[in-house]
Protein backbone atom coordinates (compact mmCIF):
# COMPACT_ATOMS: atom_id res chain seq x y z
CA UNK A 1 54.92 89.08 152.31
CA UNK A 2 53.10 86.22 154.06
CA UNK A 3 53.98 85.52 157.64
CA UNK A 4 55.72 82.29 158.41
CA UNK A 5 53.97 80.13 160.92
CA UNK A 6 56.24 78.15 163.26
CA UNK A 7 55.54 75.39 165.70
CA UNK A 8 57.39 74.21 168.80
CA UNK A 9 59.38 71.09 168.06
CA UNK A 10 58.17 68.15 170.16
CA UNK A 11 60.53 65.17 170.20
CA UNK A 12 57.80 62.97 171.62
CA UNK A 13 56.17 62.98 168.14
CA UNK A 14 59.14 61.21 166.69
CA UNK A 15 59.72 58.56 169.39
CA UNK A 16 57.61 55.97 167.71
CA UNK A 17 59.88 52.93 167.88
CA UNK A 18 62.08 51.18 170.38
CA UNK A 19 65.08 52.00 168.27
CA UNK A 20 64.25 55.69 168.20
CA UNK A 21 63.73 55.74 171.96
CA UNK A 22 67.06 53.96 172.60
CA UNK A 23 68.92 56.27 170.27
CA UNK A 24 67.38 59.36 171.87
CA UNK A 25 68.15 58.29 175.39
CA UNK A 26 71.70 57.25 174.41
CA UNK A 27 72.28 60.69 172.94
CA UNK A 28 70.96 62.31 176.11
CA UNK A 29 73.24 60.22 178.29
CA UNK A 30 76.28 61.10 176.19
CA UNK A 31 75.69 64.79 176.93
CA UNK A 32 76.60 64.09 180.58
CA UNK A 33 73.85 66.48 181.75
CA UNK A 34 71.38 65.06 184.34
CA UNK A 35 68.76 67.70 183.44
CA UNK A 36 68.92 66.65 179.77
CA UNK A 37 68.52 63.00 180.63
CA UNK A 38 65.53 63.78 182.86
CA UNK A 39 63.94 65.82 180.11
CA UNK A 40 64.60 63.10 177.58
CA UNK A 41 62.93 60.51 179.85
CA UNK A 42 60.04 62.94 180.14
CA UNK A 43 59.81 63.14 176.34
CA UNK A 44 59.77 59.35 176.09
CA UNK A 45 57.17 59.05 178.86
CA UNK A 46 54.97 61.61 177.04
CA UNK A 47 55.36 59.66 173.81
CA UNK A 48 54.30 56.43 175.53
CA UNK A 49 51.55 58.11 177.58
CA UNK A 50 52.32 59.85 180.88
CA UNK A 51 49.06 58.68 182.45
CA UNK A 52 49.93 55.05 181.76
CA UNK A 53 53.49 55.56 183.03
CA UNK A 54 52.14 57.12 186.21
CA UNK A 55 49.79 54.20 186.73
CA UNK A 56 52.52 51.62 186.20
CA UNK A 57 55.02 53.35 188.44
CA UNK A 58 52.56 54.29 191.17
CA UNK A 59 53.70 57.89 190.96
CA UNK A 60 51.50 60.93 190.39
CA UNK A 61 51.21 62.11 186.80
CA UNK A 62 51.81 65.77 187.68
CA UNK A 63 54.85 64.90 189.85
CA UNK A 64 56.27 62.91 186.94
CA UNK A 65 55.82 65.86 184.57
CA UNK A 66 57.71 68.01 187.10
CA UNK A 67 60.43 65.50 187.87
CA UNK A 68 60.96 64.60 184.20
CA UNK A 69 61.46 68.12 182.92
CA UNK A 70 64.66 70.06 182.23
CA UNK A 71 64.09 71.81 185.61
CA UNK A 72 63.29 68.60 187.45
CA UNK A 73 65.64 66.66 189.69
CA UNK A 74 64.16 63.14 189.91
CA UNK A 75 65.32 60.70 192.52
CA UNK A 76 67.16 57.71 191.13
CA UNK A 77 64.31 55.47 192.25
CA UNK A 78 61.91 57.51 190.06
CA UNK A 79 64.24 57.13 187.13
CA UNK A 80 64.41 53.35 187.71
CA UNK A 81 60.62 53.03 187.88
CA UNK A 82 60.10 55.06 184.71
CA UNK A 83 62.77 53.16 182.79
CA UNK A 84 61.23 49.86 183.86
CA UNK A 85 57.72 50.96 182.95
CA UNK A 86 58.98 51.92 179.50
CA UNK A 87 60.19 48.36 179.04
CA UNK A 88 63.81 49.50 179.09
CA UNK A 89 66.82 48.48 181.17
CA UNK A 90 69.73 50.47 182.53
CA UNK A 91 73.11 48.87 182.22
CA UNK A 92 76.70 49.88 182.62
CA UNK A 93 79.49 48.65 180.35
CA UNK A 94 83.25 49.16 180.48
């Protein structure tokens, strides 16, 4: 029997439109898990280009990788800078 070859699933490969990014981040927010939201922002940043995000935010690329991982704990200011650099806006609705 032939061996089955598997690959790690990378959500960044599928975040190719503004609508996909918005839906992905909305789903992460609905989970009410800060680590999941940080990781989702990291996936979006990788899809858009982490080097470019780092340049636009003035933050180090490696520190962004660390902060925007499931083990990271980014400051809110970092989240704001990343969201802004992605061309997104945070808003709260009742």
